[in-house]
Amino acid sequence: MDREAVAVARAESAEKVAIENKTLCTC
């Protein structure tokens, strides 16, 4: 895997986690 591909995959997973946290958080 290229470093770019890894960075993109990490960014995408980070975005998914952030979205999930926003939907779960009631603050």
C-alpha atoms as a PDB file:
ATOM      1  CA  MET A   1       0.000   0.000   0.000  1.00  0.00           C
ATOM      2  CA  ASP A   2       1.235   3.481  -0.801  1.00  0.00           C
ATOM      3  CA  ARG A   3       1.661   6.036   1.953  1.00  0.00           C
ATOM      4  CA  GLU A   4      -0.911   8.178   0.159  1.00  0.00           C
ATOM      5  CA  ALA A   5      -3.436   5.335   0.137  1.00  0.00           C
ATOM      6  CA  VAL A   6      -2.849   4.737   3.850  1.00  0.00           C
ATOM      7  CA  ALA A   7      -3.279   8.452   4.589  1.00  0.00           C
ATOM      8  CA  VAL A   8      -6.510   8.549   2.598  1.00  0.00           C
ATOM      9  CA  ALA A   9      -7.852   5.456   4.341  1.00  0.00           C
ATOM     10  CA  ARG A  10      -6.991   6.921   7.743  1.00  0.00           C
ATOM     11  CA  ALA A  11      -8.635  10.240   6.854  1.00  0.00           C
ATOM     12  CA  GLU A  12     -11.788   8.460   5.677  1.00  0.00           C
ATOM     13  CA  SER A  13     -11.990   6.300   8.806  1.00  0.00           C
ATOM     14  CA  ALA A  14     -11.350   9.363  10.968  1.00  0.00           C
ATOM     15  CA  GLU A  15     -14.218  11.172   9.238  1.00  0.00           C
ATOM     16  CA  LYS A  16     -16.535   8.207   9.800  1.00  0.00           C
ATOM     17  CA  VAL A  17     -15.607   8.087  13.486  1.00  0.00           C
ATOM     18  CA  ALA A  18     -16.136  11.844  13.841  1.00  0.00           C
ATOM     19  CA  ILE A  19     -19.576  11.589  12.206  1.00  0.00           C
ATOM     20  CA  GLU A  20     -20.524   8.656  14.449  1.00  0.00           C
ATOM     21  CA  ASN A  21     -19.382  10.546  17.547  1.00  0.00           C
ATOM     22  CA  LYS A  22     -21.433  13.576  16.501  1.00  0.00           C
ATOM     23  CA  THR A  23     -24.588  11.489  16.024  1.00  0.00           C
ATOM     24  CA  LEU A  24     -24.047   9.684  19.348  1.00  0.00           C
ATOM     25  CA  CYS A  25     -23.112  12.798  21.320  1.00  0.00           C
ATOM     26  CA  THR A  26     -26.010  14.763  22.776  1.00  0.00           C
ATOM     27  CA  CYS A  27     -23.931  17.816  23.710  1.00  0.00           C
END
